[in-house]
Amino acid sequence: MRRFIPLLTIALLVLGAALHQGLAQPQPKQKQPGRPPLGTEKIADDLFVIIGNGGNVAALVTDEGVVLVDDKFEQDYDGIMAQVRTFTDKPVKYVVTTHHHSDHSGGNTRFIEVAEIISHKNARANIVAGKQPNAGTVKPARITF
């Protein structure tokens, strides 16, 4: 199991970057105030992407639970959890944040209560140093590589 997590982390980081680049699209202008709802696209039997305002979220369903790549803004926590519940009842166990920008790691503030946050040591250092303006109370990862 100890070998599996580093390999899974690297694979998910690469997958998250690919999904972010390949699926990031401009959002349509809203007709009503507020944030547009999140949506989910199935990529494979155990792999999904949660799409919405800001960065996208990759979700991998494993035997242990769900691994997320990025967690959007803090205010997206409930929406992300609602989307996860549309494809599994397993708990979110890990969140791999790709970098310190709040549209990718802002949800750490809420997810740190239910999952382990994993990031590169530089991303953690940037969160601790407050390198993202207006990031609010983003929580840094407890596990780094």
N, C-alpha and C. Protein backbone atom coordinates (compact mmCIF):
# COMPACT_ATOMS: atom_id res chain seq x y z
N MET A 1 0.83 -1.19 0.00
CA MET A 1 0.00 0.00 0.00
C MET A 1 0.87 1.25 0.00
N ARG A 2 2.00 1.20 0.71
CA ARG A 2 2.86 2.38 0.78
C ARG A 2 3.43 2.74 -0.59
N ARG A 3 3.67 1.76 -1.44
CA ARG A 3 4.16 2.03 -2.80
C ARG A 3 3.04 2.58 -3.68
N PHE A 4 1.84 2.14 -3.41
CA PHE A 4 0.70 2.52 -4.23
C PHE A 4 0.39 4.01 -4.14
N ILE A 5 0.45 4.60 -2.96
CA ILE A 5 0.06 6.01 -2.78
C ILE A 5 0.97 6.96 -3.56
N PRO A 6 2.31 6.82 -3.51
CA PRO A 6 3.12 7.73 -4.33
C PRO A 6 2.84 7.57 -5.82
N LEU A 7 2.67 6.34 -6.29
CA LEU A 7 2.37 6.14 -7.71
C LEU A 7 1.02 6.72 -8.05
N LEU A 8 0.04 6.52 -7.18
CA LEU A 8 -1.30 7.07 -7.41
C LEU A 8 -1.24 8.59 -7.42
N THR A 9 -0.47 9.16 -6.51
CA THR A 9 -0.36 10.62 -6.43
C THR A 9 0.21 11.18 -7.72
N ILE A 10 1.27 10.59 -8.22
CA ILE A 10 1.89 11.07 -9.46
C ILE A 10 0.92 10.91 -10.62
N ALA A 11 0.27 9.76 -10.69
CA ALA A 11 -0.69 9.52 -11.79
C ALA A 11 -1.83 10.51 -11.74
N LEU A 12 -2.32 10.81 -10.54
CA LEU A 12 -3.43 11.75 -10.42
C LEU A 12 -3.01 13.18 -10.73
N LEU A 13 -1.80 13.55 -10.38
CA LEU A 13 -1.32 14.88 -10.72
C LEU A 13 -1.25 15.06 -12.23
N VAL A 14 -0.72 14.05 -12.91
CA VAL A 14 -0.64 14.11 -14.37
C VAL A 14 -2.05 14.13 -14.97
N LEU A 15 -2.91 13.28 -14.44
CA LEU A 15 -4.29 13.24 -14.92
C LEU A 15 -5.00 14.55 -14.66
N GLY A 16 -4.82 15.10 -13.47
CA GLY A 16 -5.46 16.37 -13.14
C GLY A 16 -5.01 17.49 -14.06
N ALA A 17 -3.72 17.54 -14.34
CA ALA A 17 -3.22 18.58 -15.25
C ALA A 17 -3.79 18.39 -16.64
N ALA A 18 -3.86 17.14 -17.10
CA ALA A 18 -4.42 16.87 -18.43
C ALA A 18 -5.90 17.24 -18.48
N LEU A 19 -6.64 16.86 -17.44
CA LEU A 19 -8.07 17.20 -17.42
C LEU A 19 -8.27 18.71 -17.36
N HIS A 20 -7.44 19.36 -16.58
CA HIS A 20 -7.56 20.81 -16.46
C HIS A 20 -7.33 21.48 -17.82
N GLN A 21 -6.31 21.05 -18.52
CA GLN A 21 -6.00 21.64 -19.82
C GLN A 21 -7.01 21.23 -20.88
N GLY A 22 -7.41 19.96 -20.86
CA GLY A 22 -8.28 19.45 -21.91
C GLY A 22 -9.74 19.80 -21.75
N LEU A 23 -10.19 19.96 -20.52
CA LEU A 23 -11.62 20.18 -20.30
C LEU A 23 -11.98 21.58 -19.84
N ALA A 24 -10.97 22.39 -19.53
CA ALA A 24 -11.28 23.75 -19.10
C ALA A 24 -11.83 24.53 -20.28
N GLN A 25 -13.02 25.03 -20.12
CA GLN A 25 -13.66 25.80 -21.18
C GLN A 25 -14.27 27.04 -20.56
N PRO A 26 -14.38 28.11 -21.33
CA PRO A 26 -15.02 29.30 -20.79
C PRO A 26 -16.46 28.98 -20.41
N GLN A 27 -16.88 29.50 -19.27
CA GLN A 27 -18.23 29.30 -18.80
C GLN A 27 -19.17 30.28 -19.48
N PRO A 28 -20.40 29.86 -19.81
CA PRO A 28 -21.33 30.79 -20.41
C PRO A 28 -21.72 31.88 -19.42
N LYS A 29 -22.06 33.05 -19.95
CA LYS A 29 -22.48 34.15 -19.09
C LYS A 29 -23.76 33.76 -18.39
N GLN A 30 -23.84 34.13 -17.11
CA GLN A 30 -25.00 33.79 -16.32
C GLN A 30 -26.12 34.80 -16.53
N LYS A 31 -27.33 34.29 -16.53
CA LYS A 31 -28.48 35.17 -16.62
C LYS A 31 -28.98 35.57 -15.25
N GLN A 32 -28.68 34.75 -14.23
CA GLN A 32 -29.10 35.03 -12.87
C GLN A 32 -27.86 35.17 -12.01
N PRO A 33 -27.95 35.98 -10.94
CA PRO A 33 -26.79 36.12 -10.07
C PRO A 33 -26.50 34.80 -9.35
N GLY A 34 -25.27 34.64 -8.92
CA GLY A 34 -24.88 33.43 -8.21
C GLY A 34 -23.97 32.56 -9.05
N ARG A 35 -23.50 31.50 -8.45
CA ARG A 35 -22.58 30.59 -9.13
C ARG A 35 -23.35 29.55 -9.92
N PRO A 36 -22.86 29.20 -11.10
CA PRO A 36 -23.54 28.15 -11.86
C PRO A 36 -23.38 26.82 -11.13
N PRO A 37 -24.33 25.92 -11.30
CA PRO A 37 -24.21 24.62 -10.63
C PRO A 37 -23.06 23.81 -11.24
N LEU A 38 -22.52 22.93 -10.43
CA LEU A 38 -21.48 22.04 -10.90
C LEU A 38 -22.11 20.89 -11.68
N GLY A 39 -21.35 20.33 -12.59
CA GLY A 39 -21.80 19.17 -13.34
C GLY A 39 -20.71 18.11 -13.34
N THR A 40 -21.08 16.89 -13.70
CA THR A 40 -20.13 15.78 -13.70
C THR A 40 -20.16 15.09 -15.06
N GLU A 41 -18.96 14.75 -15.54
CA GLU A 41 -18.82 13.95 -16.74
C GLU A 41 -18.07 12.68 -16.39
N LYS A 42 -18.57 11.55 -16.86
CA LYS A 42 -17.92 10.27 -16.64
C LYS A 42 -16.84 10.08 -17.69
N ILE A 43 -15.62 9.81 -17.24
CA ILE A 43 -14.49 9.59 -18.14
C ILE A 43 -14.27 8.08 -18.34
N ALA A 44 -14.38 7.32 -17.26
CA ALA A 44 -14.25 5.86 -17.27
C ALA A 44 -15.13 5.35 -16.13
N ASP A 45 -15.19 4.02 -15.95
CA ASP A 45 -16.06 3.46 -14.92
C ASP A 45 -15.78 4.02 -13.53
N ASP A 46 -14.52 4.33 -13.24
CA ASP A 46 -14.16 4.79 -11.90
C ASP A 46 -13.56 6.20 -11.91
N LEU A 47 -13.65 6.92 -13.02
CA LEU A 47 -13.04 8.23 -13.14
C LEU A 47 -14.06 9.25 -13.66
N PHE A 48 -14.15 10.38 -12.95
CA PHE A 48 -15.11 11.42 -13.28
C PHE A 48 -14.42 12.78 -13.23
N VAL A 49 -15.00 13.77 -13.89
CA VAL A 49 -14.53 15.14 -13.77
C VAL A 49 -15.74 15.98 -13.37
N ILE A 50 -15.54 16.80 -12.33
CA ILE A 50 -16.57 17.71 -11.86
C ILE A 50 -16.23 19.08 -12.43
N ILE A 51 -17.15 19.62 -13.20
CA ILE A 51 -16.89 20.84 -13.97
C ILE A 51 -17.74 21.98 -13.42
N GLY A 52 -17.15 23.16 -13.40
CA GLY A 52 -17.89 24.34 -12.98
C GLY A 52 -16.97 25.55 -12.95
N ASN A 53 -17.40 26.58 -12.30
CA ASN A 53 -16.65 27.83 -12.20
C ASN A 53 -15.29 27.57 -11.56
N GLY A 54 -14.23 28.11 -12.14
CA GLY A 54 -12.88 27.88 -11.60
C GLY A 54 -12.30 26.60 -12.16
N GLY A 55 -11.37 26.01 -11.45
CA GLY A 55 -10.73 24.79 -11.89
C GLY A 55 -11.66 23.59 -11.83
N ASN A 56 -11.38 22.58 -12.63
CA ASN A 56 -12.15 21.34 -12.60
C ASN A 56 -11.60 20.42 -11.53
N VAL A 57 -12.39 19.41 -11.16
CA VAL A 57 -12.00 18.45 -10.14
C VAL A 57 -12.05 17.05 -10.76
N ALA A 58 -10.94 16.32 -10.70
CA ALA A 58 -10.94 14.92 -11.11
C ALA A 58 -11.31 14.09 -9.89
N ALA A 59 -12.10 13.04 -10.09
CA ALA A 59 -12.51 12.17 -8.99
C ALA A 59 -12.29 10.72 -9.40
N LEU A 60 -11.44 10.02 -8.66
CA LEU A 60 -11.16 8.61 -8.91
C LEU A 60 -11.76 7.81 -7.77
N VAL A 61 -12.63 6.86 -8.10
CA VAL A 61 -13.25 6.00 -7.10
C VAL A 61 -12.39 4.76 -6.94
N THR A 62 -11.91 4.51 -5.71
CA THR A 62 -11.08 3.34 -5.41
C THR A 62 -11.81 2.46 -4.41
N ASP A 63 -11.23 1.32 -4.08
CA ASP A 63 -11.82 0.44 -3.07
C ASP A 63 -11.87 1.12 -1.70
N GLU A 64 -10.90 1.99 -1.42
CA GLU A 64 -10.83 2.67 -0.12
C GLU A 64 -11.74 3.89 -0.04
N GLY A 65 -11.99 4.51 -1.16
CA GLY A 65 -12.78 5.73 -1.18
C GLY A 65 -12.42 6.55 -2.40
N VAL A 66 -12.76 7.83 -2.35
CA VAL A 66 -12.57 8.72 -3.50
C VAL A 66 -11.30 9.54 -3.33
N VAL A 67 -10.56 9.66 -4.43
CA VAL A 67 -9.40 10.54 -4.49
C VAL A 67 -9.77 11.68 -5.43
N LEU A 68 -9.68 12.91 -4.94
CA LEU A 68 -9.95 14.08 -5.76
C LEU A 68 -8.64 14.73 -6.17
N VAL A 69 -8.59 15.27 -7.37
CA VAL A 69 -7.48 16.12 -7.79
C VAL A 69 -8.04 17.52 -7.87
N ASP A 70 -7.61 18.36 -6.95
CA ASP A 70 -8.07 19.73 -6.74
C ASP A 70 -9.46 19.74 -6.12
N ASP A 71 -9.79 20.87 -5.47
CA ASP A 71 -11.07 20.96 -4.76
C ASP A 71 -11.72 22.34 -4.89
N LYS A 72 -11.36 23.05 -5.96
CA LYS A 72 -12.00 24.31 -6.31
C LYS A 72 -11.93 25.33 -5.17
N PHE A 73 -12.94 26.19 -5.09
CA PHE A 73 -13.04 27.22 -4.05
C PHE A 73 -13.68 26.63 -2.79
N GLU A 74 -13.45 27.28 -1.67
CA GLU A 74 -14.05 26.82 -0.41
C GLU A 74 -15.57 26.68 -0.54
N GLN A 75 -16.22 27.64 -1.17
CA GLN A 75 -17.68 27.63 -1.27
C GLN A 75 -18.21 26.52 -2.19
N ASP A 76 -17.33 25.80 -2.87
CA ASP A 76 -17.75 24.70 -3.74
C ASP A 76 -17.80 23.36 -3.03
N TYR A 77 -17.42 23.31 -1.76
CA TYR A 77 -17.37 22.04 -1.02
C TYR A 77 -18.69 21.27 -1.11
N ASP A 78 -19.79 21.92 -0.75
CA ASP A 78 -21.09 21.23 -0.75
C ASP A 78 -21.46 20.76 -2.15
N GLY A 79 -21.19 21.56 -3.17
CA GLY A 79 -21.48 21.17 -4.54
C GLY A 79 -20.64 20.00 -5.00
N ILE A 80 -19.36 20.00 -4.63
CA ILE A 80 -18.48 18.88 -4.99
C ILE A 80 -18.97 17.60 -4.32
N MET A 81 -19.29 17.70 -3.03
CA MET A 81 -19.77 16.52 -2.32
C MET A 81 -21.09 16.02 -2.92
N ALA A 82 -21.96 16.92 -3.33
CA ALA A 82 -23.22 16.51 -3.96
C ALA A 82 -22.95 15.79 -5.28
N GLN A 83 -21.98 16.28 -6.06
CA GLN A 83 -21.64 15.62 -7.31
C GLN A 83 -21.02 14.25 -7.06
N VAL A 84 -20.13 14.15 -6.06
CA VAL A 84 -19.53 12.85 -5.73
C VAL A 84 -20.62 11.85 -5.38
N ARG A 85 -21.64 12.27 -4.65
CA ARG A 85 -22.74 11.38 -4.25
C ARG A 85 -23.57 10.89 -5.44
N THR A 86 -23.43 11.55 -6.61
CA THR A 86 -24.17 11.09 -7.78
C THR A 86 -23.53 9.84 -8.40
N PHE A 87 -22.25 9.56 -8.06
CA PHE A 87 -21.61 8.38 -8.65
C PHE A 87 -21.05 7.40 -7.64
N THR A 88 -21.03 7.73 -6.34
CA THR A 88 -20.59 6.77 -5.32
C THR A 88 -21.06 7.21 -3.94
N ASP A 89 -21.14 6.24 -3.05
CA ASP A 89 -21.44 6.55 -1.66
C ASP A 89 -20.19 6.42 -0.79
N LYS A 90 -19.04 6.18 -1.43
CA LYS A 90 -17.78 6.06 -0.70
C LYS A 90 -17.30 7.44 -0.24
N PRO A 91 -16.57 7.48 0.87
CA PRO A 91 -16.09 8.77 1.38
C PRO A 91 -14.93 9.33 0.56
N VAL A 92 -14.77 10.62 0.58
CA VAL A 92 -13.58 11.25 -0.01
C VAL A 92 -12.45 11.01 0.99
N LYS A 93 -11.40 10.31 0.55
CA LYS A 93 -10.27 9.97 1.43
C LYS A 93 -9.07 10.87 1.23
N TYR A 94 -8.81 11.27 -0.02
CA TYR A 94 -7.64 12.08 -0.33
C TYR A 94 -8.01 13.19 -1.31
N VAL A 95 -7.35 14.34 -1.14
CA VAL A 95 -7.44 15.43 -2.11
C VAL A 95 -6.01 15.80 -2.48
N VAL A 96 -5.67 15.67 -3.77
CA VAL A 96 -4.35 16.05 -4.26
C VAL A 96 -4.51 17.43 -4.89
N THR A 97 -3.88 18.43 -4.29
CA THR A 97 -3.98 19.78 -4.85
C THR A 97 -2.77 20.03 -5.75
N THR A 98 -3.04 20.54 -6.95
CA THR A 98 -1.98 20.71 -7.94
C THR A 98 -1.15 21.96 -7.70
N HIS A 99 -1.75 23.00 -7.11
CA HIS A 99 -1.00 24.20 -6.78
C HIS A 99 -1.81 25.09 -5.84
N HIS A 100 -1.24 26.23 -5.46
CA HIS A 100 -1.79 27.04 -4.38
C HIS A 100 -2.91 27.99 -4.77
N HIS A 101 -3.24 28.14 -6.02
CA HIS A 101 -4.32 29.07 -6.39
C HIS A 101 -5.64 28.60 -5.80
N SER A 102 -6.44 29.54 -5.30
CA SER A 102 -7.63 29.19 -4.54
C SER A 102 -8.71 28.50 -5.37
N ASP A 103 -8.67 28.58 -6.70
CA ASP A 103 -9.65 27.84 -7.49
C ASP A 103 -9.26 26.37 -7.65
N HIS A 104 -8.10 26.00 -7.09
CA HIS A 104 -7.65 24.61 -7.09
C HIS A 104 -7.47 24.06 -5.68
N SER A 105 -7.21 24.92 -4.71
CA SER A 105 -6.95 24.46 -3.34
C SER A 105 -7.82 25.15 -2.29
N GLY A 106 -8.73 26.00 -2.70
CA GLY A 106 -9.58 26.71 -1.74
C GLY A 106 -10.45 25.79 -0.92
N GLY A 107 -10.88 24.68 -1.52
CA GLY A 107 -11.71 23.72 -0.81
C GLY A 107 -10.98 22.97 0.29
N ASN A 108 -9.64 23.09 0.33
CA ASN A 108 -8.88 22.46 1.41
C ASN A 108 -9.44 22.83 2.78
N THR A 109 -9.93 24.06 2.90
CA THR A 109 -10.43 24.55 4.17
C THR A 109 -11.53 23.65 4.72
N ARG A 110 -12.36 23.11 3.86
CA ARG A 110 -13.43 22.22 4.31
C ARG A 110 -13.03 20.74 4.19
N PHE A 111 -12.32 20.38 3.12
CA PHE A 111 -11.97 18.98 2.92
C PHE A 111 -10.98 18.47 3.96
N ILE A 112 -10.18 19.36 4.56
CA ILE A 112 -9.19 18.90 5.54
C ILE A 112 -9.86 18.27 6.76
N GLU A 113 -11.16 18.55 6.94
CA GLU A 113 -11.91 17.95 8.05
C GLU A 113 -12.30 16.51 7.78
N VAL A 114 -12.33 16.10 6.49
CA VAL A 114 -12.82 14.76 6.16
C VAL A 114 -11.82 13.92 5.37
N ALA A 115 -10.75 14.54 4.85
CA ALA A 115 -9.82 13.82 3.98
C ALA A 115 -8.39 14.29 4.23
N GLU A 116 -7.44 13.51 3.75
CA GLU A 116 -6.04 13.93 3.79
C GLU A 116 -5.77 14.77 2.55
N ILE A 117 -5.15 15.92 2.75
CA ILE A 117 -4.77 16.79 1.64
C ILE A 117 -3.31 16.51 1.31
N ILE A 118 -3.03 16.31 0.03
CA ILE A 118 -1.67 16.00 -0.44
C ILE A 118 -1.29 17.05 -1.48
N SER A 119 -0.07 17.58 -1.37
CA SER A 119 0.41 18.53 -2.38
C SER A 119 1.93 18.51 -2.43
N HIS A 120 2.46 19.15 -3.44
CA HIS A 120 3.90 19.34 -3.51
C HIS A 120 4.31 20.27 -2.37
N LYS A 121 5.51 20.11 -1.88
CA LYS A 121 5.97 20.93 -0.75
C LYS A 121 5.96 22.42 -1.09
N ASN A 122 6.20 22.77 -2.36
CA ASN A 122 6.17 24.19 -2.74
C ASN A 122 4.76 24.76 -2.72
N ALA A 123 3.78 23.95 -3.12
CA ALA A 123 2.39 24.41 -3.06
C ALA A 123 2.00 24.66 -1.61
N ARG A 124 2.41 23.77 -0.71
CA ARG A 124 2.11 23.97 0.71
C ARG A 124 2.79 25.24 1.21
N ALA A 125 4.05 25.42 0.86
CA ALA A 125 4.79 26.62 1.29
C ALA A 125 4.12 27.89 0.78
N ASN A 126 3.65 27.87 -0.46
CA ASN A 126 2.97 29.05 -1.01
C ASN A 126 1.66 29.35 -0.29
N ILE A 127 0.93 28.31 0.11
CA ILE A 127 -0.30 28.53 0.87
C ILE A 127 0.04 29.11 2.24
N VAL A 128 1.02 28.53 2.91
CA VAL A 128 1.42 29.02 4.23
C VAL A 128 1.89 30.47 4.15
N ALA A 129 2.61 30.82 3.08
CA ALA A 129 3.13 32.17 2.91
C ALA A 129 2.08 33.15 2.39
N GLY A 130 0.89 32.67 2.05
CA GLY A 130 -0.16 33.54 1.55
C GLY A 130 0.14 34.12 0.18
N LYS A 131 0.76 33.33 -0.70
CA LYS A 131 1.15 33.81 -2.03
C LYS A 131 -0.04 34.05 -2.97
N GLN A 132 -1.21 33.51 -2.65
CA GLN A 132 -2.39 33.72 -3.48
C GLN A 132 -3.21 34.85 -2.86
N PRO A 133 -3.31 35.99 -3.53
CA PRO A 133 -4.11 37.09 -2.98
C PRO A 133 -5.57 36.68 -2.82
N ASN A 134 -6.20 37.17 -1.78
CA ASN A 134 -7.62 36.94 -1.52
C ASN A 134 -7.97 35.46 -1.38
N ALA A 135 -7.03 34.64 -0.95
CA ALA A 135 -7.31 33.21 -0.81
C ALA A 135 -8.03 32.90 0.49
N GLY A 136 -8.13 33.87 1.37
CA GLY A 136 -8.86 33.65 2.62
C GLY A 136 -8.14 32.69 3.54
N THR A 137 -8.86 31.68 3.96
CA THR A 137 -8.35 30.76 4.98
C THR A 137 -7.98 29.40 4.41
N VAL A 138 -7.39 29.36 3.23
CA VAL A 138 -7.01 28.09 2.61
C VAL A 138 -6.07 27.34 3.55
N LYS A 139 -6.37 26.08 3.79
CA LYS A 139 -5.56 25.24 4.67
C LYS A 139 -4.49 24.51 3.84
N PRO A 140 -3.27 24.46 4.36
CA PRO A 140 -2.21 23.75 3.63
C PRO A 140 -2.33 22.23 3.81
N ALA A 141 -1.71 21.51 2.89
CA ALA A 141 -1.69 20.04 2.95
C ALA A 141 -0.93 19.58 4.18
N ARG A 142 -1.37 18.43 4.71
CA ARG A 142 -0.62 17.79 5.80
C ARG A 142 0.41 16.81 5.25
N ILE A 143 0.19 16.33 4.03
CA ILE A 143 1.11 15.39 3.39
C ILE A 143 1.70 16.07 2.16
N THR A 144 3.03 16.06 2.07
CA THR A 144 3.69 16.68 0.91
C THR A 144 4.66 15.70 0.27
N PHE A 145 5.04 16.02 -0.95
CA PHE A 145 6.07 15.24 -1.65
C PHE A 145 6.98 16.20 -2.34
